[in-house]
Amino acid sequence: MSATQVPVEEGTRFLEELLAVHAVTARGAELVAGSFTRLAGGAAVDTKTLVTTVRWLTGLVRHHLDHEHEVLYPMSELRSPERAHSLDWLMGERDWLAGRLDDLEGAVVRIAEECRAGGSADLARAMKDGTVASHGIRDELARHFSTEEPRLRDRFAGTPDEDVARLRQAVTDRLPCGAPHLVFGFLEHPRPLPGRDQVYVHFSASVRLARGMLLSRFRRTLRDLAAG
């Protein structure tokens, strides 16, 4: 390390990692909401790709709800109860968002079934339900992250490295790594995110080596969803 370089605290690294995951989730929610809007407007959205993307998004959001409530909040409470309280979701918010995730998953199942059957009035209702649910999820995540992230910055300022190590282990042990093309893509698109290198390490070496191929698949996903 040169004399001009300053070591980065683990708390700062972990914060960048959390914020990168937030951004990936928010970008995914924006893509899904936009895809439903385009589908309802008659755009050529591939429903199989939409189903895959929705299932990845709902899994990621559920993981965020779980690890924040079960891991991040309790471990923060041990060090600073007054700060930890501000990080937890209000129960009403959690329940409302969980309900919209159920609605969205149900909508894409119905859309896939109706498309196989040739379409009907039920398809239009399913698209409307998916549009309402996806827009609600996108907007609620944006609101929550905008409120939570300043508190996270305050929470992790000066956190001892050993505390950060325990938090990272508890959180990343259950990080869903399915659909890596979506994670890799949103870490880079529409602009690279700080903290993306910390997120990459949670994938196996073989997956990281396939980064170029995964990014190509991500670009195909955007085209399938009429977003690129």
Protein backbone atom coordinates (compact mmCIF):
# COMPACT_ATOMS: atom_id res chain seq x y z
CA MET A 1 0.00 0.00 0.00
CA SER A 2 1.39 3.39 -0.95
CA ALA A 3 1.77 6.19 1.57
CA THR A 4 -1.18 8.03 0.00
CA GLN A 5 -3.62 5.11 0.20
CA VAL A 6 -6.02 4.88 3.11
CA PRO A 7 -7.33 1.43 4.10
CA VAL A 8 -11.09 1.02 3.62
CA GLU A 9 -12.94 0.00 6.78
CA GLU A 10 -14.90 -3.24 6.62
CA GLY A 11 -18.02 -1.35 7.66
CA THR A 12 -17.68 0.81 4.54
CA ARG A 13 -17.16 -2.24 2.32
CA PHE A 14 -20.19 -3.99 3.78
CA LEU A 15 -22.30 -0.86 3.39
CA GLU A 16 -21.33 -0.63 -0.30
CA GLU A 17 -22.29 -4.28 -0.69
CA LEU A 18 -25.70 -3.77 0.92
CA LEU A 19 -26.37 -0.67 -1.16
CA ALA A 20 -25.38 -2.53 -4.32
CA VAL A 21 -27.89 -5.28 -3.50
CA HIS A 22 -30.52 -2.59 -2.85
CA ALA A 23 -29.78 -1.06 -6.26
CA VAL A 24 -29.92 -4.44 -8.03
CA THR A 25 -33.30 -5.08 -6.40
CA ALA A 26 -34.62 -1.62 -7.30
CA ARG A 27 -33.40 -1.95 -10.90
CA GLY A 28 -35.05 -5.36 -11.17
CA ALA A 29 -38.31 -3.97 -9.81
CA GLU A 30 -38.17 -1.13 -12.34
CA LEU A 31 -37.62 -3.58 -15.20
CA VAL A 32 -40.51 -5.80 -14.13
CA ALA A 33 -42.90 -2.88 -13.67
CA GLY A 34 -41.93 -1.48 -17.06
CA SER A 35 -42.33 -4.90 -18.68
CA PHE A 36 -45.90 -5.21 -17.42
CA THR A 37 -46.69 -1.73 -18.68
CA ARG A 38 -45.28 -2.57 -22.11
CA LEU A 39 -47.06 -5.94 -22.19
CA ALA A 40 -50.40 -4.29 -21.39
CA GLY A 41 -49.70 -1.79 -24.16
CA GLY A 42 -49.26 -4.54 -26.74
CA ALA A 43 -45.45 -4.78 -26.86
CA ALA A 44 -43.84 -8.10 -27.76
CA VAL A 45 -42.83 -9.14 -24.25
CA ASP A 46 -41.70 -12.76 -23.93
CA THR A 47 -43.84 -14.19 -21.14
CA LYS A 48 -41.41 -17.01 -20.31
CA THR A 49 -38.65 -14.47 -19.67
CA LEU A 50 -41.06 -12.32 -17.68
CA VAL A 51 -41.97 -15.28 -15.44
CA THR A 52 -38.29 -16.08 -14.83
CA THR A 53 -37.48 -12.45 -14.03
CA VAL A 54 -40.45 -12.04 -11.70
CA ARG A 55 -39.55 -15.20 -9.76
CA TRP A 56 -35.97 -13.98 -9.36
CA LEU A 57 -37.17 -10.56 -8.19
CA THR A 58 -39.70 -11.89 -5.68
CA GLY A 59 -37.10 -14.27 -4.24
CA LEU A 60 -34.61 -11.43 -3.85
CA VAL A 61 -37.17 -9.13 -2.19
CA ARG A 62 -38.29 -11.88 0.18
CA HIS A 63 -34.66 -12.51 1.11
CA HIS A 64 -34.23 -8.81 1.83
CA LEU A 65 -37.29 -8.81 4.08
CA ASP A 66 -36.10 -11.91 5.92
CA HIS A 67 -32.44 -11.02 6.44
CA GLU A 68 -33.22 -7.48 7.49
CA HIS A 69 -35.83 -8.53 10.03
CA GLU A 70 -34.11 -11.70 11.30
CA VAL A 71 -30.41 -10.80 11.04
CA LEU A 72 -29.55 -7.15 10.46
CA TYR A 73 -32.04 -5.71 12.94
CA PRO A 74 -31.31 -8.07 15.88
CA MET A 75 -27.52 -7.84 15.48
CA SER A 76 -27.70 -4.06 15.24
CA GLU A 77 -29.90 -3.96 18.34
CA LEU A 78 -27.15 -5.59 20.41
CA ARG A 79 -24.88 -2.60 19.79
CA SER A 80 -27.35 0.26 19.51
CA PRO A 81 -31.05 -0.38 20.23
CA GLU A 82 -32.09 3.18 19.37
CA ARG A 83 -30.44 2.92 15.92
CA ALA A 84 -31.57 -0.63 15.25
CA HIS A 85 -35.24 0.26 15.72
CA SER A 86 -35.05 2.69 12.81
CA LEU A 87 -33.75 -0.04 10.48
CA ASP A 88 -36.62 -2.49 10.88
CA TRP A 89 -39.65 -2.51 8.61
CA LEU A 90 -42.92 -1.58 10.20
CA MET A 91 -44.99 -4.75 10.36
CA GLY A 92 -47.73 -3.22 8.22
CA GLU A 93 -45.20 -2.41 5.49
CA ARG A 94 -43.78 -5.94 5.54
CA ASP A 95 -47.24 -7.50 5.33
CA TRP A 96 -48.34 -5.16 2.52
CA LEU A 97 -45.22 -5.86 0.45
CA ALA A 98 -45.45 -9.61 1.06
CA GLY A 99 -49.02 -9.49 -0.23
CA ARG A 100 -47.98 -7.68 -3.40
CA LEU A 101 -45.25 -10.27 -3.99
CA ASP A 102 -47.89 -13.01 -3.77
CA ASP A 103 -50.09 -11.06 -6.20
CA LEU A 104 -47.25 -10.66 -8.67
CA GLU A 105 -46.26 -14.32 -8.56
CA GLY A 106 -49.88 -15.33 -9.07
CA ALA A 107 -50.25 -12.95 -12.01
CA VAL A 108 -47.29 -14.32 -13.97
CA VAL A 109 -48.48 -17.89 -13.47
CA ARG A 110 -51.88 -16.94 -14.87
CA ILE A 111 -50.29 -15.03 -17.77
CA ALA A 112 -48.14 -18.03 -18.71
CA GLU A 113 -51.17 -20.35 -18.57
CA GLU A 114 -53.37 -18.03 -20.62
CA CYS A 115 -50.69 -17.52 -23.27
CA ARG A 116 -50.36 -21.29 -23.68
CA ALA A 117 -54.13 -21.50 -24.04
CA GLY A 118 -54.24 -18.79 -26.68
CA GLY A 119 -55.34 -15.86 -24.54
CA SER A 120 -58.69 -14.76 -23.17
CA ALA A 121 -60.32 -12.13 -21.01
CA ASP A 122 -58.49 -13.74 -18.08
CA LEU A 123 -55.19 -12.76 -19.69
CA ALA A 124 -56.16 -9.09 -19.65
CA ARG A 125 -57.10 -9.35 -15.96
CA ALA A 126 -53.85 -11.10 -15.13
CA MET A 127 -51.85 -8.41 -16.94
CA LYS A 128 -53.72 -5.70 -15.06
CA ASP A 129 -53.13 -7.45 -11.72
CA GLY A 130 -49.44 -7.88 -12.53
CA THR A 131 -49.12 -4.23 -13.51
CA VAL A 132 -50.72 -3.01 -10.28
CA ALA A 133 -48.64 -5.36 -8.10
CA SER A 134 -45.33 -4.67 -9.87
CA HIS A 135 -45.79 -0.91 -9.70
CA GLY A 136 -46.66 -1.14 -6.02
CA ILE A 137 -43.55 -3.22 -5.29
CA ARG A 138 -41.32 -0.84 -7.24
CA ASP A 139 -42.68 2.23 -5.48
CA GLU A 140 -42.59 0.72 -1.99
CA LEU A 141 -38.99 -0.47 -2.42
CA ALA A 142 -37.92 2.96 -3.63
CA ARG A 143 -39.59 4.59 -0.63
CA HIS A 144 -38.12 2.14 1.86
CA PHE A 145 -34.59 2.28 0.48
CA SER A 146 -34.58 6.08 0.40
CA THR A 147 -35.53 6.08 4.08
CA GLU A 148 -33.31 3.22 5.18
CA GLU A 149 -30.03 3.96 3.41
CA PRO A 150 -29.13 7.17 5.28
CA ARG A 151 -29.69 5.25 8.52
CA LEU A 152 -27.49 2.41 7.32
CA ARG A 153 -24.70 4.87 6.56
CA ASP A 154 -24.94 6.13 10.12
CA ARG A 155 -25.21 2.62 11.56
CA PHE A 156 -22.04 1.25 9.96
CA ALA A 157 -19.81 4.26 10.51
CA GLY A 158 -17.01 2.98 12.74
CA THR A 159 -18.48 -0.49 13.27
CA PRO A 160 -15.77 -2.91 14.50
CA ASP A 161 -14.52 -5.29 11.82
CA GLU A 162 -15.50 -8.37 13.82
CA ASP A 163 -19.13 -7.19 13.97
CA VAL A 164 -19.15 -6.58 10.24
CA ALA A 165 -17.72 -10.04 9.58
CA ARG A 166 -20.54 -11.65 11.58
CA LEU A 167 -23.18 -9.58 9.80
CA ARG A 168 -21.78 -10.39 6.37
CA GLN A 169 -21.66 -14.11 7.13
CA ALA A 170 -25.20 -14.14 8.48
CA VAL A 171 -26.56 -12.22 5.50
CA THR A 172 -24.63 -13.79 2.62
CA ASP A 173 -25.07 -17.37 3.83
CA ARG A 174 -28.65 -17.10 2.55
CA LEU A 175 -28.09 -14.76 -0.39
CA PRO A 176 -30.07 -16.18 -3.34
CA CYS A 177 -27.63 -16.67 -6.22
CA GLY A 178 -30.08 -17.93 -8.83
CA ALA A 179 -30.32 -16.16 -12.20
CA PRO A 180 -26.79 -14.74 -11.96
CA HIS A 181 -27.21 -13.06 -15.36
CA LEU A 182 -29.74 -10.71 -13.74
CA VAL A 183 -27.51 -9.91 -10.77
CA PHE A 184 -24.45 -9.37 -12.96
CA GLY A 185 -26.46 -7.32 -15.43
CA PHE A 186 -28.01 -4.99 -12.89
CA LEU A 187 -24.64 -4.50 -11.18
CA GLU A 188 -23.51 -2.96 -14.48
CA HIS A 189 -26.64 -1.59 -16.16
CA PRO A 190 -27.42 1.21 -16.72
CA ARG A 191 -24.16 2.17 -14.94
CA PRO A 192 -21.70 0.20 -12.77
CA LEU A 193 -22.44 0.17 -9.05
CA PRO A 194 -19.93 0.76 -6.26
CA GLY A 195 -19.71 -2.45 -4.26
CA ARG A 196 -20.24 -4.73 -7.24
CA ASP A 197 -16.90 -6.47 -6.67
CA GLN A 198 -18.01 -7.40 -3.13
CA VAL A 199 -21.21 -8.91 -4.52
CA TYR A 200 -19.37 -10.87 -7.21
CA VAL A 201 -17.38 -12.83 -4.62
CA HIS A 202 -20.55 -14.55 -3.38
CA PHE A 203 -20.69 -16.45 -6.67
CA SER A 204 -18.50 -19.44 -7.48
CA ALA A 205 -15.32 -18.95 -9.49
CA SER A 206 -16.88 -20.75 -12.46
CA VAL A 207 -19.82 -18.33 -12.50
CA ARG A 208 -17.52 -15.30 -12.23
CA LEU A 209 -15.49 -16.59 -15.17
CA ALA A 210 -18.69 -16.71 -17.22
CA ARG A 211 -19.36 -13.01 -16.63
CA GLY A 212 -19.18 -12.06 -20.32
CA MET A 213 -21.63 -14.78 -21.31
CA LEU A 214 -23.96 -13.82 -18.46
CA LEU A 215 -23.96 -10.18 -19.49
CA SER A 216 -24.85 -11.24 -23.03
CA ARG A 217 -27.75 -13.24 -21.63
CA PHE A 218 -28.81 -10.19 -19.61
CA ARG A 219 -28.92 -8.08 -22.76
CA ARG A 220 -31.11 -10.74 -24.40
CA THR A 221 -33.39 -10.56 -21.35
CA LEU A 222 -33.78 -6.83 -21.85
CA ARG A 223 -34.73 -7.41 -25.48
CA ASP A 224 -37.17 -10.19 -24.52
CA LEU A 225 -38.85 -7.76 -22.10
CA ALA A 226 -38.98 -5.02 -24.75
CA ALA A 227 -36.60 -2.94 -22.67
CA GLY A 228 -33.55 -2.90 -24.91
